[in-house]
Amino acid sequence: MSLKKPSFWDLPKPSIISYLLIPFSLPIIIRNFIFQFIKKEKSSNIKTICVGNIYLGGTGKTPLTIKIYQILEKLNNKVATVKKDHSNEKDEQLLLKKKTSLIISNSRKSAIYQGINQNFQILVFDDGLQETEIDFHIKLVCFKSKNWIGNGQLIPAGPMREKISSLKRFDAVILNGNSNSFEKIENQIKNINSNIKIFKTFYKVSNIEKYDFNSKYLIFSGIGNPSDFKDILLENKFEVVRELIFSDHYEYSLNDFEKIIDYAKNENLKIITTEKDYMKIPEKFKKDINFIAIDLVIQNENKFIEFLNN
């Protein structure tokens, strides 16, 4: 079972707990040092795009993967998405399968062979910036602008898989969500890699018309950043009375759903969850639970398309 993200990870500076945990980051430090010298293969038979992160979880990789798929498909490319087969990420696999042509494989190298055999022109990988076997033609790294890099420390002292200096090896940064610190973040990025592209994105609820704004709601989610889910509801004037937060990629039991529905009935609340969590709900409970569908909006989308084409 996945653990909830520690709150001290997203403090502006490392806390005492964070400093005490720094020695336990040594395996990550060694791994990242070795990673620099590993020779990775870039396919010449198919184009590859990797949508990944260096901040652990909840950065909006999957919505961006879907958006890129939609953009490339509209441009008449034969495109598929790729998800490495992790047992605790079935929710993301189901969402990608619903909205894209999806290849699921035990290795990303094998996924490339599958893509070539199926005559795809482009593969969009959901996750993989720390891949050791293959290199990608375009590497995109995602962040939530609200959290940015948190306390900046490596796991477990902080939320980072790699230090922020690794931006030197990526092609573009995708900043999702509103923030008063955009300029500060952009300056920090450019100081590390002056050639990197920066694109801003935000979420738009696409099924807003089905909801009654006179109702009160119970919400629940098992995602990397549950506050994002609540924020988008509040921005759209939903009255959220109760919130239940589960760990990222949480495996719900039948008892969990029964308790959620009982809470809502006892307090006369309607229930909303994320589309990703909705994928896990057994059919018998779906009549009592709704989800919000979101579209990812890319500011200056034409420039982003030009970037992909180049």
C-alpha atoms as a PDB file:
ATOM      1  CA  MET A   1       0.000   0.000   0.000  1.00  0.00           C
ATOM      2  CA  SER A   2       1.293   3.471  -0.885  1.00  0.00           C
ATOM      3  CA  LEU A   3       2.062   5.921   1.881  1.00  0.00           C
ATOM      4  CA  LYS A   4       0.751   9.466   2.156  1.00  0.00           C
ATOM      5  CA  LYS A   5       3.239  12.179   1.321  1.00  0.00           C
ATOM      6  CA  PRO A   6       4.857  13.648   4.482  1.00  0.00           C
ATOM      7  CA  SER A   7       3.843  17.280   5.037  1.00  0.00           C
ATOM      8  CA  PHE A   8       7.443  18.361   5.756  1.00  0.00           C
ATOM      9  CA  TRP A   9       8.386  17.530   2.141  1.00  0.00           C
ATOM     10  CA  ASP A  10       6.644  20.660   0.906  1.00  0.00           C
ATOM     11  CA  LEU A  11       7.949  23.121   3.475  1.00  0.00           C
ATOM     12  CA  PRO A  12       9.928  26.004   1.912  1.00  0.00           C
ATOM     13  CA  LYS A  13      13.092  24.835   3.694  1.00  0.00           C
ATOM     14  CA  PRO A  14      14.227  21.491   5.125  1.00  0.00           C
ATOM     15  CA  SER A  15      12.946  20.789   8.637  1.00  0.00           C
ATOM     16  CA  ILE A  16      14.834  19.035  11.442  1.00  0.00           C
ATOM     17  CA  ILE A  17      13.188  15.743  10.404  1.00  0.00           C
ATOM     18  CA  SER A  18      14.384  16.322   6.847  1.00  0.00           C
ATOM     19  CA  TYR A  19      17.982  16.911   7.956  1.00  0.00           C
ATOM     20  CA  LEU A  20      17.879  13.736  10.065  1.00  0.00           C
ATOM     21  CA  LEU A  21      16.739  11.741   7.025  1.00  0.00           C
ATOM     22  CA  ILE A  22      19.416  13.042   4.624  1.00  0.00           C
ATOM     23  CA  PRO A  23      21.804  10.082   5.302  1.00  0.00           C
ATOM     24  CA  PHE A  24      19.036   7.741   4.092  1.00  0.00           C
ATOM     25  CA  SER A  25      19.119   9.534   0.718  1.00  0.00           C
ATOM     26  CA  LEU A  26      22.547   7.996   0.007  1.00  0.00           C
ATOM     27  CA  PRO A  27      21.190   5.176  -2.249  1.00  0.00           C
ATOM     28  CA  ILE A  28      19.403   7.815  -4.376  1.00  0.00           C
ATOM     29  CA  ILE A  29      22.593   9.933  -4.535  1.00  0.00           C
ATOM     30  CA  ILE A  30      24.665   6.923  -5.654  1.00  0.00           C
ATOM     31  CA  ARG A  31      22.042   5.856  -8.179  1.00  0.00           C
ATOM     32  CA  ASN A  32      21.831   9.367  -9.686  1.00  0.00           C
ATOM     33  CA  PHE A  33      25.640   9.597  -9.899  1.00  0.00           C
ATOM     34  CA  ILE A  34      25.864   6.274 -11.772  1.00  0.00           C
ATOM     35  CA  PHE A  35      22.910   7.254 -13.988  1.00  0.00           C
ATOM     36  CA  GLN A  36      25.025  10.016 -15.573  1.00  0.00           C
ATOM     37  CA  PHE A  37      27.424   7.452 -17.079  1.00  0.00           C
ATOM     38  CA  ILE A  38      24.916   4.874 -18.350  1.00  0.00           C
ATOM     39  CA  LYS A  39      24.787   4.762 -22.134  1.00  0.00           C
ATOM     40  CA  LYS A  40      21.157   4.695 -23.253  1.00  0.00           C
ATOM     41  CA  GLU A  41      19.841   3.793 -26.691  1.00  0.00           C
ATOM     42  CA  LYS A  42      17.658   6.187 -28.726  1.00  0.00           C
ATOM     43  CA  SER A  43      15.465   4.507 -31.348  1.00  0.00           C
ATOM     44  CA  SER A  44      15.919   5.572 -34.959  1.00  0.00           C
ATOM     45  CA  ASN A  45      12.749   3.772 -36.101  1.00  0.00           C
ATOM     46  CA  ILE A  46      10.130   5.546 -34.014  1.00  0.00           C
ATOM     47  CA  LYS A  47       9.869   8.943 -32.290  1.00  0.00           C
ATOM     48  CA  THR A  48       9.574   8.929 -28.514  1.00  0.00           C
ATOM     49  CA  ILE A  49       8.369  11.506 -25.992  1.00  0.00           C
ATOM     50  CA  CYS A  50       8.704  11.008 -22.247  1.00  0.00           C
ATOM     51  CA  VAL A  51       6.413  12.822 -19.815  1.00  0.00           C
ATOM     52  CA  GLY A  52       7.980  12.391 -16.410  1.00  0.00           C
ATOM     53  CA  ASN A  53       8.915  14.026 -13.142  1.00  0.00           C
ATOM     54  CA  ILE A  54      11.722  14.414 -10.649  1.00  0.00           C
ATOM     55  CA  TYR A  55       9.263  15.379  -7.875  1.00  0.00           C
ATOM     56  CA  LEU A  56       7.702  12.176  -6.541  1.00  0.00           C
ATOM     57  CA  GLY A  57       4.036  11.812  -7.529  1.00  0.00           C
ATOM     58  CA  GLY A  58       1.143  14.163  -8.237  1.00  0.00           C
ATOM     59  CA  THR A  59       2.668  16.366 -10.954  1.00  0.00           C
ATOM     60  CA  GLY A  60       0.062  15.845 -13.690  1.00  0.00           C
ATOM     61  CA  LYS A  61       1.961  13.436 -15.938  1.00  0.00           C
ATOM     62  CA  THR A  62      -1.045  11.406 -17.067  1.00  0.00           C
ATOM     63  CA  PRO A  63      -3.294  14.360 -18.100  1.00  0.00           C
ATOM     64  CA  LEU A  64      -0.365  15.814 -20.071  1.00  0.00           C
ATOM     65  CA  THR A  65       0.308  12.441 -21.715  1.00  0.00           C
ATOM     66  CA  ILE A  66      -3.336  12.309 -22.815  1.00  0.00           C
ATOM     67  CA  LYS A  67      -3.215  15.904 -24.065  1.00  0.00           C
ATOM     68  CA  ILE A  68      -0.080  15.280 -26.150  1.00  0.00           C
ATOM     69  CA  TYR A  69      -1.688  12.147 -27.581  1.00  0.00           C
ATOM     70  CA  GLN A  70      -4.745  14.178 -28.614  1.00  0.00           C
ATOM     71  CA  ILE A  71      -2.607  16.928 -30.177  1.00  0.00           C
ATOM     72  CA  LEU A  72      -0.482  14.492 -32.172  1.00  0.00           C
ATOM     73  CA  GLU A  73      -3.495  12.481 -33.312  1.00  0.00           C
ATOM     74  CA  LYS A  74      -5.175  15.659 -34.621  1.00  0.00           C
ATOM     75  CA  LEU A  75      -1.988  16.307 -36.612  1.00  0.00           C
ATOM     76  CA  ASN A  76      -2.588  12.938 -38.351  1.00  0.00           C
ATOM     77  CA  ASN A  77       0.145  11.018 -36.587  1.00  0.00           C
ATOM     78  CA  LYS A  78      -0.289   7.374 -35.666  1.00  0.00           C
ATOM     79  CA  VAL A  79       0.463   7.647 -31.966  1.00  0.00           C
ATOM     80  CA  ALA A  80       0.226   5.479 -28.854  1.00  0.00           C
ATOM     81  CA  THR A  81       0.872   6.024 -25.170  1.00  0.00           C
ATOM     82  CA  VAL A  82       3.075   3.735 -23.104  1.00  0.00           C
ATOM     83  CA  LYS A  83       2.786   2.747 -19.456  1.00  0.00           C
ATOM     84  CA  LYS A  84       5.230   0.424 -17.742  1.00  0.00           C
ATOM     85  CA  ASP A  85       3.290  -2.342 -15.992  1.00  0.00           C
ATOM     86  CA  HIS A  86       3.358  -1.500 -12.275  1.00  0.00           C
ATOM     87  CA  SER A  87       0.740  -3.323 -10.186  1.00  0.00           C
ATOM     88  CA  ASN A  88       0.025  -0.225  -8.067  1.00  0.00           C
ATOM     89  CA  GLU A  89      -0.719   2.008 -11.089  1.00  0.00           C
ATOM     90  CA  LYS A  90      -3.711   0.193 -12.585  1.00  0.00           C
ATOM     91  CA  ASP A  91      -5.827   3.337 -12.218  1.00  0.00           C
ATOM     92  CA  GLU A  92      -3.577   5.287 -14.592  1.00  0.00           C
ATOM     93  CA  GLN A  93      -3.483   2.347 -17.003  1.00  0.00           C
ATOM     94  CA  LEU A  94      -7.296   2.241 -17.093  1.00  0.00           C
ATOM     95  CA  LEU A  95      -7.533   5.994 -17.697  1.00  0.00           C
ATOM     96  CA  LEU A  96      -4.972   5.901 -20.519  1.00  0.00           C
ATOM     97  CA  LYS A  97      -6.680   2.867 -22.062  1.00  0.00           C
ATOM     98  CA  LYS A  98     -10.010   4.716 -22.024  1.00  0.00           C
ATOM     99  CA  LYS A  99      -8.648   7.849 -23.723  1.00  0.00           C
ATOM    100  CA  THR A 100      -5.718   6.684 -25.878  1.00  0.00           C
ATOM    101  CA  SER A 101      -4.208   3.749 -27.739  1.00  0.00           C
ATOM    102  CA  LEU A 102      -2.181   2.241 -24.910  1.00  0.00           C
ATOM    103  CA  ILE A 103       0.791  -0.123 -24.858  1.00  0.00           C
ATOM    104  CA  ILE A 104       1.448  -1.740 -21.473  1.00  0.00           C
ATOM    105  CA  SER A 105       4.757  -3.545 -21.144  1.00  0.00           C
ATOM    106  CA  ASN A 106       7.094  -4.913 -18.484  1.00  0.00           C
ATOM    107  CA  SER A 107       9.913  -2.827 -20.000  1.00  0.00           C
ATOM    108  CA  ARG A 108       9.948   0.415 -21.965  1.00  0.00           C
ATOM    109  CA  LYS A 109      12.424  -1.081 -24.427  1.00  0.00           C
ATOM    110  CA  SER A 110       9.946  -3.843 -25.192  1.00  0.00           C
ATOM    111  CA  ALA A 111       7.217  -1.204 -25.629  1.00  0.00           C
ATOM    112  CA  ILE A 112       9.308   0.437 -28.369  1.00  0.00           C
ATOM    113  CA  TYR A 113       9.520  -2.865 -30.252  1.00  0.00           C
ATOM    114  CA  GLN A 114       5.760  -3.270 -29.898  1.00  0.00           C
ATOM    115  CA  GLY A 115       5.206   0.263 -31.193  1.00  0.00           C
ATOM    116  CA  ILE A 116       7.404  -0.361 -34.228  1.00  0.00           C
ATOM    117  CA  ASN A 117       5.669  -3.697 -34.965  1.00  0.00           C
ATOM    118  CA  GLN A 118       2.262  -1.993 -34.781  1.00  0.00           C
ATOM    119  CA  ASN A 119       3.442   0.747 -37.180  1.00  0.00           C
ATOM    120  CA  PHE A 120       3.065   3.623 -34.729  1.00  0.00           C
ATOM    121  CA  GLN A 121       4.988   6.771 -35.626  1.00  0.00           C
ATOM    122  CA  ILE A 122       5.230   8.260 -32.132  1.00  0.00           C
ATOM    123  CA  LEU A 123       5.131   6.840 -28.607  1.00  0.00           C
ATOM    124  CA  VAL A 124       4.291   9.044 -25.606  1.00  0.00           C
ATOM    125  CA  PHE A 125       5.624   7.519 -22.384  1.00  0.00           C
ATOM    126  CA  ASP A 126       3.811   8.249 -19.130  1.00  0.00           C
ATOM    127  CA  ASP A 127       6.820   8.309 -16.766  1.00  0.00           C
ATOM    128  CA  GLY A 128      10.376   7.185 -17.484  1.00  0.00           C
ATOM    129  CA  LEU A 129      12.840  10.050 -17.015  1.00  0.00           C
ATOM    130  CA  GLN A 130      14.889   7.750 -14.777  1.00  0.00           C
ATOM    131  CA  GLU A 131      14.893   4.958 -17.408  1.00  0.00           C
ATOM    132  CA  THR A 132      18.308   3.247 -17.722  1.00  0.00           C
ATOM    133  CA  GLU A 133      17.924   1.358 -21.024  1.00  0.00           C
ATOM    134  CA  ILE A 134      16.530   3.866 -23.510  1.00  0.00           C
ATOM    135  CA  ASP A 135      16.744   7.565 -24.284  1.00  0.00           C
ATOM    136  CA  PHE A 136      13.890   9.698 -25.634  1.00  0.00           C
ATOM    137  CA  HIS A 137      13.733  12.247 -28.444  1.00  0.00           C
ATOM    138  CA  ILE A 138      11.846  14.712 -26.215  1.00  0.00           C
ATOM    139  CA  LYS A 139      11.993  14.746 -22.421  1.00  0.00           C
ATOM    140  CA  LEU A 140       9.346  16.751 -20.527  1.00  0.00           C
ATOM    141  CA  VAL A 141       9.486  17.190 -16.756  1.00  0.00           C
ATOM    142  CA  CYS A 142       6.290  18.088 -14.876  1.00  0.00           C
ATOM    143  CA  PHE A 143       5.838  20.131 -11.710  1.00  0.00           C
ATOM    144  CA  LYS A 144       2.948  21.547  -9.744  1.00  0.00           C
ATOM    145  CA  SER A 145       3.710  25.249  -9.513  1.00  0.00           C
ATOM    146  CA  LYS A 146       2.176  25.389  -6.023  1.00  0.00           C
ATOM    147  CA  ASN A 147       4.607  22.794  -4.623  1.00  0.00           C
ATOM    148  CA  TRP A 148       7.454  23.345  -7.096  1.00  0.00           C
ATOM    149  CA  ILE A 149      10.356  21.315  -5.586  1.00  0.00           C
ATOM    150  CA  GLY A 150       9.116  21.354  -1.991  1.00  0.00           C
ATOM    151  CA  ASN A 151      12.046  21.484   0.409  1.00  0.00           C
ATOM    152  CA  GLY A 152      14.367  20.499  -2.455  1.00  0.00           C
ATOM    153  CA  GLN A 153      15.753  17.387  -0.731  1.00  0.00           C
ATOM    154  CA  LEU A 154      16.052  13.862  -2.114  1.00  0.00           C
ATOM    155  CA  ILE A 155      13.780  11.019  -0.971  1.00  0.00           C
ATOM    156  CA  PRO A 156      13.160  10.362   1.941  1.00  0.00           C
ATOM    157  CA  ALA A 157      14.333  13.731   3.263  1.00  0.00           C
ATOM    158  CA  GLY A 158      12.220  15.453   0.615  1.00  0.00           C
ATOM    159  CA  PRO A 159      10.090  14.757  -2.464  1.00  0.00           C
ATOM    160  CA  MET A 160      12.834  14.810  -5.119  1.00  0.00           C
ATOM    161  CA  ARG A 161      13.956  11.821  -7.187  1.00  0.00           C
ATOM    162  CA  GLU A 162      16.801  13.947  -8.520  1.00  0.00           C
ATOM    163  CA  LYS A 163      18.267  17.302  -7.590  1.00  0.00           C
ATOM    164  CA  ILE A 164      16.892  20.308  -9.478  1.00  0.00           C
ATOM    165  CA  SER A 165      20.240  20.581 -11.293  1.00  0.00           C
ATOM    166  CA  SER A 166      19.088  17.634 -13.456  1.00  0.00           C
ATOM    167  CA  LEU A 167      17.007  20.125 -15.466  1.00  0.00           C
ATOM    168  CA  LYS A 168      20.160  20.409 -17.600  1.00  0.00           C
ATOM    169  CA  ARG A 169      19.199  17.189 -19.402  1.00  0.00           C
ATOM    170  CA  PHE A 170      15.543  17.930 -20.192  1.00  0.00           C
ATOM    171  CA  ASP A 171      13.906  19.720 -23.131  1.00  0.00           C
ATOM    172  CA  ALA A 172      10.950  21.407 -21.421  1.00  0.00           C
ATOM    173  CA  VAL A 173       9.397  22.066 -18.028  1.00  0.00           C
ATOM    174  CA  ILE A 174       5.617  21.896 -17.645  1.00  0.00           C
ATOM    175  CA  LEU A 175       4.292  23.966 -14.729  1.00  0.00           C
ATOM    176  CA  ASN A 176       0.731  23.075 -13.780  1.00  0.00           C
ATOM    177  CA  GLY A 177      -1.580  25.304 -11.750  1.00  0.00           C
ATOM    178  CA  ASN A 178      -1.690  28.902 -10.633  1.00  0.00           C
ATOM    179  CA  SER A 179       1.079  30.413  -8.547  1.00  0.00           C
ATOM    180  CA  ASN A 180       2.290  33.818  -7.426  1.00  0.00           C
ATOM    181  CA  SER A 181       5.854  32.488  -7.752  1.00  0.00           C
ATOM    182  CA  PHE A 182       5.924  31.840 -11.513  1.00  0.00           C
ATOM    183  CA  GLU A 183       8.583  34.456 -12.190  1.00  0.00           C
ATOM    184  CA  LYS A 184      10.801  33.187  -9.364  1.00  0.00           C
ATOM    185  CA  ILE A 185      10.419  29.583 -10.545  1.00  0.00           C
ATOM    186  CA  GLU A 186      11.138  30.507 -14.171  1.00  0.00           C
ATOM    187  CA  ASN A 187      14.292  32.386 -13.168  1.00  0.00           C
ATOM    188  CA  GLN A 188      15.488  29.396 -11.159  1.00  0.00           C
ATOM    189  CA  ILE A 189      14.864  27.085 -14.116  1.00  0.00           C
ATOM    190  CA  LYS A 190      16.634  29.355 -16.603  1.00  0.00           C
ATOM    191  CA  ASN A 191      19.645  29.723 -14.288  1.00  0.00           C
ATOM    192  CA  ILE A 192      20.088  25.957 -14.514  1.00  0.00           C
ATOM    193  CA  ASN A 193      19.260  25.514 -18.226  1.00  0.00           C
ATOM    194  CA  SER A 194      18.934  28.668 -20.313  1.00  0.00           C
ATOM    195  CA  ASN A 195      17.779  26.683 -23.379  1.00  0.00           C
ATOM    196  CA  ILE A 196      14.939  24.771 -21.737  1.00  0.00           C
ATOM    197  CA  LYS A 197      11.361  25.591 -22.766  1.00  0.00           C
ATOM    198  CA  ILE A 198       8.761  26.415 -20.106  1.00  0.00           C
ATOM    199  CA  PHE A 199       5.024  25.872 -20.605  1.00  0.00           C
ATOM    200  CA  LYS A 200       2.186  26.648 -18.193  1.00  0.00           C
ATOM    201  CA  THR A 201      -0.919  24.494 -17.916  1.00  0.00           C
ATOM    202  CA  PHE A 202      -4.129  24.418 -15.896  1.00  0.00           C
ATOM    203  CA  TYR A 203      -7.181  22.177 -15.518  1.00  0.00           C
ATOM    204  CA  LYS A 204     -10.699  22.854 -16.744  1.00  0.00           C
ATOM    205  CA  VAL A 205     -13.720  20.809 -15.614  1.00  0.00           C
ATOM    206  CA  SER A 206     -15.312  19.428 -18.772  1.00  0.00           C
ATOM    207  CA  ASN A 207     -18.517  17.945 -17.285  1.00  0.00           C
ATOM    208  CA  ILE A 208     -19.492  20.895 -15.071  1.00  0.00           C
ATOM    209  CA  GLU A 209     -23.038  21.040 -16.507  1.00  0.00           C
ATOM    210  CA  LYS A 210     -24.092  17.790 -14.803  1.00  0.00           C
ATOM    211  CA  TYR A 211     -23.710  19.179 -11.263  1.00  0.00           C
ATOM    212  CA  ASP A 212     -26.174  20.920  -8.960  1.00  0.00           C
ATOM    213  CA  PHE A 213     -24.507  23.839  -7.189  1.00  0.00           C
ATOM    214  CA  ASN A 214     -27.264  23.980  -4.573  1.00  0.00           C
ATOM    215  CA  SER A 215     -26.054  20.616  -3.255  1.00  0.00           C
ATOM    216  CA  LYS A 216     -23.373  19.916  -0.689  1.00  0.00           C
ATOM    217  CA  TYR A 217     -20.623  17.424  -1.414  1.00  0.00           C
ATOM    218  CA  LEU A 218     -18.408  14.794   0.131  1.00  0.00           C
ATOM    219  CA  ILE A 219     -15.222  14.330  -1.875  1.00  0.00           C
ATOM    220  CA  PHE A 220     -12.606  11.586  -1.733  1.00  0.00           C
ATOM    221  CA  SER A 221      -9.418  10.803  -3.632  1.00  0.00           C
ATOM    222  CA  GLY A 222      -6.319   8.635  -3.645  1.00  0.00           C
ATOM    223  CA  ILE A 223      -3.943  10.767  -5.716  1.00  0.00           C
ATOM    224  CA  GLY A 224      -0.533  12.378  -5.296  1.00  0.00           C
ATOM    225  CA  ASN A 225      -1.824  15.884  -4.546  1.00  0.00           C
ATOM    226  CA  PRO A 226      -5.401  15.707  -3.196  1.00  0.00           C
ATOM    227  CA  SER A 227      -5.403  19.461  -2.510  1.00  0.00           C
ATOM    228  CA  ASP A 228      -5.413  20.042  -6.287  1.00  0.00           C
ATOM    229  CA  PHE A 229      -8.656  18.086  -6.591  1.00  0.00           C
ATOM    230  CA  LYS A 230     -10.303  20.078  -3.815  1.00  0.00           C
ATOM    231  CA  ASP A 231      -8.988  23.392  -5.172  1.00  0.00           C
ATOM    232  CA  ILE A 232     -10.498  22.869  -8.618  1.00  0.00           C
ATOM    233  CA  LEU A 233     -13.873  22.081  -7.027  1.00  0.00           C
ATOM    234  CA  LEU A 234     -13.759  25.208  -4.844  1.00  0.00           C
ATOM    235  CA  GLU A 235     -12.707  27.332  -7.834  1.00  0.00           C
ATOM    236  CA  ASN A 236     -15.824  26.069  -9.632  1.00  0.00           C
ATOM    237  CA  LYS A 237     -18.098  26.940  -6.676  1.00  0.00           C
ATOM    238  CA  PHE A 238     -18.768  23.445  -5.339  1.00  0.00           C
ATOM    239  CA  GLU A 239     -19.684  23.412  -1.643  1.00  0.00           C
ATOM    240  CA  VAL A 240     -17.337  20.817  -0.162  1.00  0.00           C
ATOM    241  CA  VAL A 241     -18.437  19.785   3.347  1.00  0.00           C
ATOM    242  CA  ARG A 242     -16.358  16.663   3.941  1.00  0.00           C
ATOM    243  CA  GLU A 243     -13.094  15.440   2.396  1.00  0.00           C
ATOM    244  CA  LEU A 244     -11.630  11.938   2.694  1.00  0.00           C
ATOM    245  CA  ILE A 245      -7.995  11.550   1.616  1.00  0.00           C
ATOM    246  CA  PHE A 246      -6.374   8.218   0.793  1.00  0.00           C
ATOM    247  CA  SER A 247      -2.786   7.497  -0.241  1.00  0.00           C
ATOM    248  CA  ASP A 248      -1.693   7.745  -3.879  1.00  0.00           C
ATOM    249  CA  HIS A 249      -2.828   4.739  -5.994  1.00  0.00           C
ATOM    250  CA  TYR A 250      -4.838   3.505  -2.995  1.00  0.00           C
ATOM    251  CA  GLU A 251      -6.473   0.093  -3.403  1.00  0.00           C
ATOM    252  CA  TYR A 252     -10.026   0.642  -2.137  1.00  0.00           C
ATOM    253  CA  SER A 253     -11.897  -2.176  -0.415  1.00  0.00           C
ATOM    254  CA  LEU A 254     -15.642  -2.777  -0.601  1.00  0.00           C
ATOM    255  CA  ASN A 255     -15.787  -1.635   3.025  1.00  0.00           C
ATOM    256  CA  ASP A 256     -14.181   1.701   2.050  1.00  0.00           C
ATOM    257  CA  PHE A 257     -16.918   2.414  -0.481  1.00  0.00           C
ATOM    258  CA  GLU A 258     -19.664   1.367   1.918  1.00  0.00           C
ATOM    259  CA  LYS A 259     -18.289   3.752   4.563  1.00  0.00           C
ATOM    260  CA  ILE A 260     -17.993   6.627   2.065  1.00  0.00           C
ATOM    261  CA  ILE A 261     -21.587   6.162   0.946  1.00  0.00           C
ATOM    262  CA  ASP A 262     -22.819   5.874   4.564  1.00  0.00           C
ATOM    263  CA  TYR A 263     -21.035   9.133   5.500  1.00  0.00           C
ATOM    264  CA  ALA A 264     -22.712  10.888   2.583  1.00  0.00           C
ATOM    265  CA  LYS A 265     -26.193   9.535   3.331  1.00  0.00           C
ATOM    266  CA  ASN A 266     -25.962  10.379   7.029  1.00  0.00           C
ATOM    267  CA  GLU A 267     -25.002  13.987   6.232  1.00  0.00           C
ATOM    268  CA  ASN A 268     -27.210  14.339   3.130  1.00  0.00           C
ATOM    269  CA  LEU A 269     -24.216  14.899   0.854  1.00  0.00           C
ATOM    270  CA  LYS A 270     -23.558  13.984  -2.757  1.00  0.00           C
ATOM    271  CA  ILE A 271     -20.280  12.250  -3.584  1.00  0.00           C
ATOM    272  CA  ILE A 272     -17.590  13.301  -6.064  1.00  0.00           C
ATOM    273  CA  THR A 273     -14.206  11.753  -6.762  1.00  0.00           C
ATOM    274  CA  THR A 274     -11.551  12.040  -9.453  1.00  0.00           C
ATOM    275  CA  GLU A 275     -11.880  10.266 -12.789  1.00  0.00           C
ATOM    276  CA  LYS A 276      -8.808   8.189 -11.931  1.00  0.00           C
ATOM    277  CA  ASP A 277     -10.355   7.023  -8.638  1.00  0.00           C
ATOM    278  CA  TYR A 278     -13.693   6.396 -10.356  1.00  0.00           C
ATOM    279  CA  MET A 279     -11.983   3.755 -12.499  1.00  0.00           C
ATOM    280  CA  LYS A 280     -11.558   1.616  -9.370  1.00  0.00           C
ATOM    281  CA  ILE A 281     -15.190   1.724  -8.215  1.00  0.00           C
ATOM    282  CA  PRO A 282     -17.219  -1.514  -8.575  1.00  0.00           C
ATOM    283  CA  GLU A 283     -20.353  -1.131 -10.713  1.00  0.00           C
ATOM    284  CA  LYS A 284     -22.748  -1.542  -7.796  1.00  0.00           C
ATOM    285  CA  PHE A 285     -21.432   1.650  -6.158  1.00  0.00           C
ATOM    286  CA  LYS A 286     -21.170   3.855  -9.256  1.00  0.00           C
ATOM    287  CA  LYS A 287     -24.807   4.993  -9.083  1.00  0.00           C
ATOM    288  CA  ASP A 288     -23.990   6.763  -5.788  1.00  0.00           C
ATOM    289  CA  ILE A 289     -20.687   8.361  -6.863  1.00  0.00           C
ATOM    290  CA  ASN A 290     -19.855  10.908  -9.562  1.00  0.00           C
ATOM    291  CA  PHE A 291     -16.501  12.120 -10.868  1.00  0.00           C
ATOM    292  CA  ILE A 292     -15.236  15.350 -12.346  1.00  0.00           C
ATOM    293  CA  ALA A 293     -13.694  15.062 -15.791  1.00  0.00           C
ATOM    294  CA  ILE A 294     -10.854  17.472 -16.438  1.00  0.00           C
ATOM    295  CA  ASP A 295      -9.208  18.747 -19.594  1.00  0.00           C
ATOM    296  CA  LEU A 296      -5.644  19.996 -19.491  1.00  0.00           C
ATOM    297  CA  VAL A 297      -5.298  23.428 -21.063  1.00  0.00           C
ATOM    298  CA  ILE A 298      -1.864  24.485 -22.306  1.00  0.00           C
ATOM    299  CA  GLN A 299      -1.229  28.212 -22.431  1.00  0.00           C
ATOM    300  CA  ASN A 300       0.254  29.152 -25.804  1.00  0.00           C
ATOM    301  CA  GLU A 301      -0.704  25.737 -27.155  1.00  0.00           C
ATOM    302  CA  ASN A 302       0.425  26.728 -30.654  1.00  0.00           C
ATOM    303  CA  LYS A 303       3.958  27.303 -29.351  1.00  0.00           C
ATOM    304  CA  PHE A 304       3.834  23.915 -27.628  1.00  0.00           C
ATOM    305  CA  ILE A 305       2.761  22.264 -30.900  1.00  0.00           C
ATOM    306  CA  GLU A 306       5.585  24.048 -32.702  1.00  0.00           C
ATOM    307  CA  PHE A 307       7.996  22.773 -30.053  1.00  0.00           C
ATOM    308  CA  LEU A 308       6.789  19.178 -30.576  1.00  0.00           C
ATOM    309  CA  ASN A 309       7.058  19.507 -34.355  1.00  0.00           C
ATOM    310  CA  ASN A 310      10.586  20.851 -34.182  1.00  0.00           C
END
